[in-house]
C-alpha atoms as a PDB file:
ATOM      1  CA  MET A   1     190.759 -33.209 -23.683  1.00  0.00           C
ATOM      2  CA  ASN A   2     188.265 -31.180 -21.653  1.00  0.00           C
ATOM      3  CA  ARG A   3     189.979 -29.916 -18.510  1.00  0.00           C
ATOM      4  CA  ASN A   4     186.949 -30.781 -16.325  1.00  0.00           C
ATOM      5  CA  CYS A   5     186.920 -34.374 -17.573  1.00  0.00           C
ATOM      6  CA  MET A   6     190.468 -34.914 -16.373  1.00  0.00           C
ATOM      7  CA  TYR A   7     189.280 -34.711 -12.769  1.00  0.00           C
ATOM      8  CA  ALA A   8     185.943 -36.516 -13.124  1.00  0.00           C
ATOM      9  CA  GLN A   9     185.320 -39.188 -10.538  1.00  0.00           C
ATOM     10  CA  LYS A  10     182.640 -41.807 -10.229  1.00  0.00           C
ATOM     11  CA  SER A  11     179.782 -40.674  -8.018  1.00  0.00           C
ATOM     12  CA  ILE A  12     176.717 -42.492  -6.718  1.00  0.00           C
ATOM     13  CA  THR A  13     173.453 -40.957  -5.551  1.00  0.00           C
ATOM     14  CA  ARG A  14     170.619 -42.884  -3.881  1.00  0.00           C
ATOM     15  CA  ILE A  15     167.163 -41.574  -4.867  1.00  0.00           C
ATOM     16  CA  LYS A  16     163.841 -42.614  -3.309  1.00  0.00           C
ATOM     17  CA  ILE A  17     160.471 -41.306  -4.493  1.00  0.00           C
ATOM     18  CA  LEU A  18     158.389 -40.073  -1.551  1.00  0.00           C
ATOM     19  CA  GLU A  19     155.314 -38.709  -3.338  1.00  0.00           C
ATOM     20  CA  TYR A  20     153.985 -37.275  -6.569  1.00  0.00           C
ATOM     21  CA  GLY A  21     152.130 -33.986  -6.631  1.00  0.00           C
ATOM     22  CA  LYS A  22     151.801 -30.548  -8.132  1.00  0.00           C
ATOM     23  CA  TYR A  23     153.525 -27.251  -7.464  1.00  0.00           C
ATOM     24  CA  LYS A  24     151.838 -24.197  -8.990  1.00  0.00           C
ATOM     25  CA  ASN A  25     149.710 -26.580 -11.117  1.00  0.00           C
ATOM     26  CA  LYS A  26     152.752 -28.348 -12.601  1.00  0.00           C
ATOM     27  CA  ASN A  27     153.716 -31.969 -11.966  1.00  0.00           C
ATOM     28  CA  CYS A  28     156.522 -32.515  -9.498  1.00  0.00           C
ATOM     29  CA  THR A  29     157.952 -35.288  -7.326  1.00  0.00           C
ATOM     30  CA  LYS A  30     159.176 -35.158  -3.747  1.00  0.00           C
ATOM     31  CA  LEU A  31     162.381 -37.166  -3.396  1.00  0.00           C
ATOM     32  CA  LEU A  32     164.667 -38.330  -0.632  1.00  0.00           C
ATOM     33  CA  ILE A  33     168.195 -38.036  -1.994  1.00  0.00           C
ATOM     34  CA  GLU A  34     171.430 -39.260  -0.456  1.00  0.00           C
ATOM     35  CA  PRO A  35     174.797 -38.684  -2.112  1.00  0.00           C
ATOM     36  CA  ILE A  36     176.759 -41.895  -1.415  1.00  0.00           C
ATOM     37  CA  THR A  37     179.995 -40.653  -2.964  1.00  0.00           C
ATOM     38  CA  GLY A  38     180.953 -37.244  -4.215  1.00  0.00           C
ATOM     39  CA  ARG A  39     179.502 -33.911  -3.168  1.00  0.00           C
ATOM     40  CA  ARG A  40     176.117 -32.226  -2.733  1.00  0.00           C
ATOM     41  CA  HIS A  41     176.443 -30.526  -6.138  1.00  0.00           C
ATOM     42  CA  GLN A  42     176.123 -33.953  -7.779  1.00  0.00           C
ATOM     43  CA  ILE A  43     172.451 -34.079  -6.716  1.00  0.00           C
ATOM     44  CA  ARG A  44     171.688 -31.241  -9.116  1.00  0.00           C
ATOM     45  CA  VAL A  45     173.763 -32.811 -11.878  1.00  0.00           C
ATOM     46  CA  HIS A  46     172.286 -36.310 -11.512  1.00  0.00           C
ATOM     47  CA  LEU A  47     168.672 -35.107 -11.446  1.00  0.00           C
ATOM     48  CA  ALA A  48     169.233 -32.899 -14.487  1.00  0.00           C
ATOM     49  CA  TYR A  49     170.814 -35.878 -16.285  1.00  0.00           C
ATOM     50  CA  LEU A  50     167.666 -37.910 -15.503  1.00  0.00           C
ATOM     51  CA  ASN A  51     165.599 -35.053 -17.009  1.00  0.00           C
ATOM     52  CA  HIS A  52     164.125 -34.217 -13.582  1.00  0.00           C
ATOM     53  CA  PRO A  53     165.875 -30.998 -12.512  1.00  0.00           C
ATOM     54  CA  ILE A  54     165.255 -29.434  -9.117  1.00  0.00           C
ATOM     55  CA  ILE A  55     162.569 -26.746  -9.006  1.00  0.00           C
ATOM     56  CA  GLY A  56     164.236 -23.348  -9.044  1.00  0.00           C
ATOM     57  CA  ASP A  57     167.641 -24.596 -10.202  1.00  0.00           C
ATOM     58  CA  MET A  58     168.610 -21.833 -12.612  1.00  0.00           C
ATOM     59  CA  CYS A  59     171.810 -23.594 -13.673  1.00  0.00           C
ATOM     60  CA  TYR A  60     170.471 -27.076 -14.556  1.00  0.00           C
ATOM     61  CA  GLY A  61     166.707 -26.504 -14.690  1.00  0.00           C
ATOM     62  CA  PRO A  62     164.552 -25.203 -17.523  1.00  0.00           C
ATOM     63  CA  SER A  63     164.510 -21.449 -18.144  1.00  0.00           C
ATOM     64  CA  GLU A  64     160.709 -21.360 -17.839  1.00  0.00           C
ATOM     65  CA  ASP A  65     160.918 -22.835 -14.348  1.00  0.00           C
ATOM     66  CA  PHE A  66     158.248 -22.586 -11.691  1.00  0.00           C
ATOM     67  CA  ASN A  67     159.003 -18.915 -10.906  1.00  0.00           C
ATOM     68  CA  VAL A  68     160.198 -19.644  -7.380  1.00  0.00           C
ATOM     69  CA  TYR A  69     162.363 -17.479  -5.139  1.00  0.00           C
ATOM     70  CA  ARG A  70     165.009 -20.163  -4.447  1.00  0.00           C
ATOM     71  CA  THR A  71     166.180 -23.642  -5.385  1.00  0.00           C
ATOM     72  CA  MET A  72     163.892 -26.231  -3.771  1.00  0.00           C
ATOM     73  CA  LEU A  73     166.744 -28.331  -2.413  1.00  0.00           C
ATOM     74  CA  HIS A  74     166.285 -28.691   1.339  1.00  0.00           C
END
């Protein structure tokens, strides 16, 4: 059994779409995100699972990301 799976807990994140737009000529979406249970890290995990990683997230995002200087989680 994977050691990380032994400690996995159910987590819930509320996501609301605020607007669609572009960042450096690429499609992106501004979201309001609220972790209901769990921790802030789950935001990155849940969005990556939905195939919508956070811009600049070098861990869960695509390697050819938007060439930004930080993760756009604020």
